[in-house]
Protein backbone atom coordinates (compact mmCIF):
# COMPACT_ATOMS: atom_id res chain seq x y z
CA MET A 1 85.59 51.71 100.95
CA THR A 2 84.90 52.57 97.60
CA GLU A 3 87.97 53.65 95.09
CA GLN A 4 86.83 57.27 94.76
CA LYS A 5 86.62 57.54 98.67
CA SER A 6 89.79 56.19 99.29
CA ASN A 7 91.28 58.23 96.78
CA ARG A 8 89.83 61.40 98.35
CA ARG A 9 91.25 60.07 101.92
CA ASP A 10 94.58 59.61 100.28
CA LEU A 11 94.63 63.10 98.87
CA ALA A 12 93.64 64.76 102.12
CA ILE A 13 96.46 62.62 103.97
CA ILE A 14 98.66 64.24 101.15
CA ALA A 15 97.68 67.55 101.44
CA PHE A 16 98.33 67.10 105.55
CA THR A 17 101.89 66.18 104.91
CA ALA A 18 102.89 68.87 102.17
CA PHE A 19 100.71 71.27 104.92
CA LEU A 20 103.32 69.96 107.69
CA ASN A 21 106.09 70.44 105.30
CA PHE A 22 105.57 73.88 104.47
CA THR A 23 104.65 74.92 107.92
CA GLY A 24 108.28 73.47 109.08
CA LEU A 25 109.58 76.47 106.88
CA THR A 26 106.79 78.96 107.49
CA LEU A 27 107.10 78.50 111.34
CA ALA A 28 110.60 79.36 111.21
CA ILE A 29 110.26 82.98 109.53
CA PRO A 30 110.07 84.76 112.73
CA ILE A 31 112.35 82.57 114.38
CA PHE A 32 115.84 82.34 113.04
CA THR A 33 116.37 85.95 112.60
CA PRO A 34 116.07 86.97 116.24
CA LEU A 35 117.81 83.91 117.14
CA CYS A 36 121.08 84.61 115.06
CA LEU A 37 120.85 88.20 115.83
CA ASP A 38 120.64 87.82 119.89
CA GLN A 39 123.93 89.46 121.21
CA THR A 40 122.92 87.87 124.80
CA GLY A 41 123.39 84.17 123.84
CA GLY A 42 121.64 81.90 121.63
CA ILE A 43 123.63 79.74 119.18
CA ILE A 44 126.16 81.82 117.90
CA ALA A 45 128.89 83.12 120.41
CA LEU A 46 128.73 86.35 122.53
CA GLY A 47 130.68 89.15 120.76
CA THR A 48 130.51 88.20 117.19
CA SER A 49 129.77 91.02 115.31
CA ILE A 50 126.61 91.91 113.26
CA PRO A 51 128.02 91.50 109.68
CA VAL A 52 128.90 87.58 111.09
CA ARG A 53 125.69 87.16 112.46
CA THR A 54 123.60 88.02 109.34
CA THR A 55 126.01 85.90 106.94
CA ILE A 56 125.35 83.22 109.16
CA LEU A 57 121.59 83.59 109.21
CA GLY A 58 122.12 83.39 105.52
CA PHE A 59 123.57 80.10 105.55
CA LEU A 60 121.17 78.88 107.97
CA LEU A 61 118.39 80.00 105.83
CA GLY A 62 119.80 78.73 102.44
CA ILE A 63 121.06 75.48 103.24
CA PHE A 64 117.49 74.27 103.66
CA PRO A 65 116.91 74.50 99.78
CA LEU A 66 120.35 73.60 98.97
CA CYS A 67 119.99 70.44 100.32
CA GLN A 68 116.34 70.07 98.77
CA PHE A 69 118.05 70.52 95.44
CA PHE A 70 120.31 67.41 95.60
CA THR A 71 117.24 65.26 97.47
CA SER A 72 114.29 66.14 95.65
CA PRO A 73 115.01 63.54 92.59
CA LEU A 74 116.63 61.21 94.59
CA LEU A 75 113.77 60.85 96.78
CA GLY A 76 111.38 61.14 93.52
CA ALA A 77 113.36 58.25 91.74
CA LEU A 78 113.37 56.08 94.82
CA SER A 79 109.50 56.22 94.99
CA ASP A 80 109.41 55.11 91.36
CA ARG A 81 111.62 52.31 92.29
CA LEU A 82 110.16 51.34 95.58
CA GLY A 83 106.73 52.73 95.86
CA ARG A 84 105.28 56.19 97.54
CA LYS A 85 104.65 54.94 100.81
CA LYS A 86 107.70 53.79 101.95
CA ILE A 87 109.56 56.75 100.56
CA LEU A 88 107.10 59.23 102.40
CA LEU A 89 107.40 57.36 105.72
CA PHE A 90 110.83 57.41 105.51
CA ALA A 91 111.35 61.14 104.70
CA ILE A 92 108.42 62.05 107.42
CA ALA A 93 110.68 60.33 109.88
CA GLY A 94 113.83 61.85 108.76
CA THR A 95 112.04 65.59 109.23
CA CYS A 96 110.88 65.00 112.50
CA ALA A 97 114.25 63.80 113.42
CA GLY A 98 115.25 67.29 112.30
CA TYR A 99 112.72 69.14 114.24
CA ILE A 100 113.83 67.58 117.63
CA LEU A 101 117.26 68.46 116.48
CA MET A 102 116.68 71.98 115.88
CA ALA A 103 114.98 72.18 118.93
CA VAL A 104 117.71 70.99 121.20
CA SER A 105 120.22 73.09 119.20
CA ILE A 106 118.36 75.97 120.72
CA LEU A 107 118.12 74.52 124.29
CA ILE A 108 122.01 73.63 124.50
CA GLY A 109 123.15 76.57 122.17
CA SER A 110 125.19 74.72 119.52
CA LEU A 111 125.56 76.22 116.27
CA PRO A 112 126.59 73.17 114.43
CA LEU A 113 123.67 71.26 115.63
CA ALA A 114 121.41 73.63 114.43
CA PHE A 115 123.19 73.93 111.16
CA LEU A 116 122.88 69.70 111.66
CA SER A 117 119.34 70.15 111.70
CA ARG A 118 118.70 72.22 108.48
CA ILE A 119 120.80 69.79 106.50
CA ILE A 120 118.31 66.77 107.92
CA THR A 121 115.06 68.52 107.03
CA GLY A 122 115.91 70.47 104.08
CA GLY A 123 117.17 66.94 102.85
CA PHE A 124 113.71 65.24 103.69
CA SER A 125 111.55 68.36 102.56
CA GLY A 126 112.56 66.86 99.36
CA SER A 127 109.41 64.59 99.75
CA LEU A 128 107.65 67.04 98.23
CA ALA A 129 108.60 65.18 94.91
CA VAL A 130 106.99 62.02 96.43
CA THR A 131 103.80 63.64 97.50
CA GLN A 132 103.25 65.15 94.10
CA SER A 133 104.05 61.69 92.57
CA ALA A 134 101.25 60.38 94.58
CA ILE A 135 98.89 63.13 93.32
CA ALA A 136 99.65 62.36 89.78
CA ASP A 137 99.05 58.72 90.52
CA LEU A 138 95.52 59.44 91.72
CA SER A 139 95.00 61.81 89.07
CA ASN A 140 93.95 61.88 85.41
CA GLU A 141 94.58 64.68 82.84
CA ASN A 142 91.25 66.34 83.93
CA SER A 143 91.92 66.22 87.50
CA ARG A 144 95.52 66.67 87.61
CA ALA A 145 95.63 70.29 87.68
CA LYS A 146 92.76 70.84 90.41
CA ASN A 147 94.19 68.26 92.40
CA PHE A 148 97.69 69.76 92.44
CA GLY A 149 96.13 72.59 93.31
CA LEU A 150 95.80 71.33 97.15
CA LEU A 151 99.65 71.86 97.49
CA GLY A 152 98.71 75.21 96.69
CA ALA A 153 96.40 75.23 99.01
CA ALA A 154 98.55 73.68 101.62
CA PHE A 155 101.31 76.07 101.19
CA GLY A 156 98.52 79.45 101.66
CA THR A 157 97.86 77.66 104.68
CA SER A 158 101.19 77.23 106.20
CA LEU A 159 101.68 81.15 105.27
CA PHE A 160 99.13 82.00 107.58
CA ILE A 161 99.63 79.89 110.10
CA GLY A 162 102.96 79.07 110.36
CA PRO A 163 104.84 82.67 111.36
CA ALA A 164 101.78 83.28 113.38
CA LEU A 165 102.53 80.07 115.20
CA GLY A 166 106.07 80.54 115.21
CA GLY A 167 106.19 83.80 116.62
CA PHE A 168 103.50 83.17 119.42
CA LEU A 169 105.12 80.16 120.86
CA SER A 170 108.56 81.59 120.81
CA ASP A 171 107.36 84.39 123.15
CA PRO A 172 108.19 83.98 126.78
CA THR A 173 106.05 87.10 127.52
CA ILE A 174 102.72 85.03 126.94
CA ASN A 175 103.93 81.87 128.64
CA ALA A 176 107.13 81.69 130.63
CA ARG A 177 108.01 78.07 129.42
CA PHE A 178 107.85 79.39 125.72
CA ASN A 179 110.98 79.63 124.11
CA PHE A 180 112.48 79.54 120.26
CA ALA A 181 112.70 75.92 120.71
CA THR A 182 108.75 75.42 121.54
CA PRO A 183 107.88 75.83 117.70
CA PHE A 184 110.00 73.11 116.69
CA TRP A 185 109.10 70.57 119.69
CA LEU A 186 105.67 71.18 117.94
CA ALA A 187 106.69 70.80 114.51
CA ALA A 188 108.05 67.05 115.50
CA PHE A 189 104.65 66.22 117.31
CA LEU A 190 102.72 67.06 114.42
CA THR A 191 105.13 65.19 112.14
CA ALA A 192 105.18 61.81 114.46
CA VAL A 193 101.41 61.91 114.31
CA ASN A 194 101.41 62.26 110.46
CA PHE A 195 103.96 59.27 110.21
CA LEU A 196 101.13 57.50 111.95
CA GLN A 197 98.72 58.49 109.96
CA VAL A 198 100.57 57.66 106.51
CA ALA A 199 101.53 54.46 108.27
CA TRP A 200 97.83 53.26 109.12
CA GLN A 201 95.54 54.88 106.56
CA PHE A 202 97.79 55.85 103.60
CA CYS A 203 97.34 53.44 100.29
CA GLU A 204 100.17 52.51 98.04
CA THR A 205 99.46 54.49 94.83
CA LEU A 206 102.04 53.04 92.77
CA PRO A 207 101.46 49.39 92.12
CA PRO A 208 104.35 47.05 91.46
CA GLU A 209 103.55 46.51 87.66
CA LYS A 210 104.17 50.55 87.34
CA ARG A 211 107.20 50.84 89.48
CA ARG A 212 110.69 51.30 87.31
CA ARG A 213 114.15 50.34 88.51
CA ALA A 214 116.18 53.12 87.22
CA GLY A 215 119.89 53.26 88.36
CA PHE A 216 120.68 56.04 90.41
CA HIS A 217 123.22 57.57 92.76
CA LEU A 218 123.61 60.70 95.06
CA LEU A 219 124.39 63.09 92.25
CA VAL A 220 121.11 61.96 90.48
CA GLY A 221 119.80 65.64 90.95
CA PRO A 222 122.76 67.49 88.98
CA ILE A 223 122.84 64.57 86.67
CA ASN A 224 119.37 64.32 85.96
CA ILE A 225 118.71 68.22 85.42
CA ILE A 226 121.50 68.19 82.87
CA ARG A 227 120.00 65.28 81.09
CA ALA A 228 116.75 66.95 80.98
CA PHE A 229 118.14 70.26 79.98
CA GLN A 230 119.67 68.66 77.00
CA SER A 231 115.89 67.98 75.61
CA THR A 232 114.69 70.95 73.90
CA ALA A 233 111.11 70.10 75.45
CA TYR A 234 112.28 69.47 78.68
CA ARG A 235 114.79 72.44 79.09
CA ARG A 236 112.59 75.06 77.75
CA MET A 237 109.59 73.86 80.27
CA PHE A 238 112.17 73.85 83.31
CA LEU A 239 113.18 76.90 82.36
CA VAL A 240 109.86 78.04 82.69
CA VAL A 241 109.65 76.49 86.14
CA PHE A 242 112.43 78.03 87.26
CA ALA A 243 111.76 81.53 86.14
CA LEU A 244 108.75 81.39 87.95
CA SER A 245 109.76 80.15 90.75
CA PHE A 246 112.95 82.87 91.02
CA GLY A 247 110.75 85.41 90.62
CA PHE A 248 108.24 84.45 93.06
CA ASN A 249 110.85 83.55 95.63
CA PHE A 250 112.54 86.74 95.18
CA PHE A 251 109.19 88.91 95.85
CA THR A 252 108.34 86.68 98.74
CA GLN A 253 111.91 87.09 100.65
CA PHE A 254 112.59 90.55 99.86
CA PHE A 255 108.84 92.18 99.89
CA GLN A 256 109.57 93.14 103.37
CA VAL A 257 112.61 95.59 102.49
CA PHE A 258 109.77 97.17 100.00
CA LEU A 259 107.43 97.75 102.44
CA ILE A 260 109.66 98.85 105.07
CA ASP A 261 111.45 101.32 103.21
CA GLN A 262 108.37 102.36 101.55
CA PHE A 263 105.68 102.61 103.90
CA ALA A 264 107.79 102.19 107.29
CA ALA A 265 105.77 98.97 108.06
CA THR A 266 105.72 97.70 111.63
CA PRO A 267 106.35 94.31 112.24
CA LYS A 268 102.72 93.55 112.85
CA GLN A 269 101.85 95.05 109.74
CA LEU A 270 104.51 92.65 108.15
CA GLY A 271 102.54 89.81 109.76
CA MET A 272 99.31 91.05 108.76
CA MET A 273 100.32 91.31 105.40
CA LEU A 274 101.71 87.55 105.56
CA SER A 275 98.54 86.23 107.05
CA TYR A 276 96.79 88.50 104.33
CA LEU A 277 98.86 86.94 101.47
CA GLY A 278 98.10 83.15 103.08
CA ILE A 279 94.44 83.80 103.00
CA TRP A 280 94.06 84.62 99.58
CA SER A 281 96.33 81.66 98.72
CA ILE A 282 93.59 79.46 100.19
CA LEU A 283 90.48 81.17 98.69
CA THR A 284 92.14 80.81 95.34
CA GLN A 285 92.78 77.21 95.54
CA ALA A 286 89.38 76.71 97.12
CA VAL A 287 87.22 78.84 95.03
CA PHE A 288 88.96 79.68 91.48
CA VAL A 289 91.31 76.84 90.71
CA ARG A 290 88.79 73.92 90.58
CA PRO A 291 86.50 75.31 88.37
CA ILE A 292 88.43 76.94 86.14
CA SER A 293 90.69 74.01 85.90
CA LYS A 294 87.56 71.94 84.91
CA ARG A 295 86.59 74.34 82.00
CA PHE A 296 90.03 75.06 80.58
CA ALA A 297 93.20 72.96 79.96
CA PRO A 298 96.85 73.90 81.52
CA VAL A 299 97.82 75.01 78.21
CA LYS A 300 95.30 77.40 78.10
CA ILE A 301 95.34 78.83 81.48
CA LEU A 302 98.98 79.64 81.29
CA PRO A 303 99.34 81.84 78.32
CA VAL A 304 96.98 84.20 80.44
CA SER A 305 97.66 83.78 84.41
CA LEU A 306 101.66 84.08 83.72
CA LEU A 307 101.09 87.45 81.96
CA LEU A 308 98.57 88.80 84.29
CA LEU A 309 101.11 87.64 87.09
CA ALA A 310 103.99 89.62 85.78
CA ALA A 311 101.86 92.76 85.31
CA SER A 312 100.67 92.56 89.16
CA PHE A 313 103.96 93.17 90.56
CA PRO A 314 104.49 96.70 89.12
CA ALA A 315 100.95 97.33 90.08
CA LEU A 316 102.23 97.68 93.80
CA LEU A 317 103.99 100.77 93.25
CA MET A 318 100.83 102.59 92.52
CA ALA A 319 99.95 102.67 96.33
CA ARG A 320 100.55 105.64 98.10
CA ASP A 321 99.34 104.25 101.66
CA PHE A 322 99.94 101.16 103.47
CA TRP A 323 96.24 100.23 103.21
CA MET A 324 96.10 100.77 99.52
CA LEU A 325 98.10 97.62 98.86
CA PHE A 326 95.32 95.38 100.18
CA PRO A 327 92.98 95.54 97.29
CA VAL A 328 95.93 95.29 94.43
CA ILE A 329 98.06 92.53 96.22
CA ILE A 330 95.44 89.97 95.79
CA PHE A 331 96.10 89.63 92.01
CA ILE A 332 99.49 88.10 93.15
CA PRO A 333 98.18 85.09 95.01
CA LEU A 334 95.17 84.51 92.42
CA PHE A 335 97.44 84.31 89.64
CA ASN A 336 100.07 82.55 91.22
CA GLY A 337 97.53 79.89 92.46
CA LEU A 338 96.50 79.66 89.02
CA SER A 339 99.75 79.70 87.18
CA SER A 340 101.54 77.12 89.82
CA PRO A 341 99.35 73.93 89.97
CA ASN A 342 98.70 73.96 86.03
CA LEU A 343 102.67 74.25 85.54
CA THR A 344 103.22 71.35 87.65
CA ALA A 345 100.55 69.47 85.71
CA VAL A 346 102.07 70.11 82.18
CA VAL A 347 105.68 69.04 83.90
CA CYS A 348 104.13 65.72 85.10
CA GLY A 349 102.80 65.15 81.47
CA LEU A 350 106.54 65.28 79.94
CA GLY A 351 106.88 61.87 81.34
CA GLY A 352 104.87 58.69 81.42
CA ASP A 353 103.20 57.19 84.00
CA LYS A 354 106.03 55.17 85.42
CA SER A 355 108.20 58.21 85.80
CA HIS A 356 106.17 60.58 87.73
CA GLY A 357 108.64 60.41 90.46
CA GLU A 358 111.73 61.35 88.42
CA ILE A 359 110.19 63.91 86.71
CA LEU A 360 108.57 65.74 89.58
CA GLY A 361 111.99 65.38 91.53
CA ILE A 362 113.57 67.07 88.74
CA ASN A 363 110.86 70.02 88.91
CA GLN A 364 111.51 70.39 92.60
CA SER A 365 115.44 70.39 92.35
CA VAL A 366 114.86 73.43 89.75
CA MET A 367 112.32 74.97 92.39
CA ALA A 368 114.93 74.22 94.96
CA MET A 369 117.76 76.22 93.19
CA ALA A 370 115.25 78.91 92.41
CA GLN A 371 114.75 79.35 96.23
CA PHE A 372 118.55 79.50 97.11
CA LEU A 373 119.79 81.76 94.42
CA PRO A 374 117.95 85.04 95.67
CA PRO A 375 119.58 85.16 99.06
CA LEU A 376 123.01 84.94 97.18
CA ILE A 377 122.20 87.56 94.81
CA GLY A 378 119.45 89.80 96.50
CA GLY A 379 120.83 91.62 99.03
CA TYR A 380 123.37 93.46 96.89
CA ILE A 381 120.41 94.09 94.19
CA VAL A 382 117.96 95.57 97.00
CA GLY A 383 120.55 97.64 98.39
CA GLN A 384 120.67 99.58 95.11
CA HIS A 385 117.01 100.48 95.41
CA PHE A 386 113.95 98.94 97.56
CA THR A 387 111.70 98.70 94.39
CA LEU A 388 114.00 96.43 92.71
CA PRO A 389 112.42 93.15 93.85
CA LEU A 390 108.98 94.19 92.47
CA TRP A 391 111.08 95.15 88.86
CA ILE A 392 112.79 91.28 88.82
CA THR A 393 110.12 89.50 89.99
CA SER A 394 107.92 90.98 87.30
CA ALA A 395 110.82 90.59 84.52
CA SER A 396 111.28 87.02 85.46
CA VAL A 397 107.69 85.84 85.39
CA LEU A 398 107.64 87.84 82.20
CA LEU A 399 110.49 85.33 80.93
CA ALA A 400 108.65 82.48 82.20
CA TRP A 401 105.60 83.46 80.18
CA ILE A 402 107.66 84.12 76.81
CA LEU A 403 109.41 80.83 77.29
CA PHE A 404 106.46 79.18 77.76
CA LEU A 405 104.88 80.34 74.45
CA ARG A 406 107.57 78.96 72.85
CA THR A 407 106.72 75.65 74.18
CA GLN A 408 103.81 75.63 72.29
């Protein structure tokens, strides 16, 4: 097999691994809320009040990115030291175990076991830093942005498939054997298949002579972030990453509130809108990112894409009917799809070839913080007015644009 064909195969395996990682997140979207609010049983004790149930739900959702925050730089640094393949296999095996634990916790109605599952899957989902590092290993300066676009396509596909699959497989009216645990059994099976695929087909992308033996411990995440923010160039770039990620996560987590309050959207319409966003995320990576990345460098794309992305969120307020959102909202996955992989490519270039794992691990931790914070502060903010998620998202992305211009 030629080196080019081998690289293509490895990139495809990495994209599939990332897709399963994202799908584990998205298939839980229609499951955890009804699971926690079910007052006839489930994983929360009978008689528990609704406020307590929603609080538990928030912690159940938020603990995932919190664990990811600590483990992303740890796994990234380990992959710099031991190689990508070993750490990737370790993380995939851990993720599979986490899915099995979640399925078992649902079947036996154990809330502590459900939290343990979320801790394990959240921790091992830090392997995204390893997949990013492997992509960096297989890329040069010209192909880096378009190859990172594969992760955007994987996320878009999971956003399209995950919620629908989770809702379908957890509905006993479709099949009497289906329940809330069924999607997690499927996720465990697919992850096991992915483990075998990586073990047999994936080639190590970081040769021994390029590995680095950097010292680290369990708090490597916070320590690396503090160290990174001490450097002016690193600090500004990671602030760009945080501002963009915070804004986009605020949008994805509270956009449904806007749809319900403004248009009285039904669950069917919410699912339709989510799938529509996923389709456009896929199309952006498949049709636009590669040709644009070939023609323009990331530092030329980002000043334009970030500004247009910031303007796209308030534009949704012009829609007077639900159907009017469809032609307007396509600009969000379009400009975000151009911004995210190009920003990752720029961050990747902050370190040398031997520190891709460490740099991208820090990057993933910053993004994990941006996923964890919106649920903590968003509930109160959204309660003031349902349009605030759009304005806060726009302001956060606009801040990312200003900070990026200053890094130039």
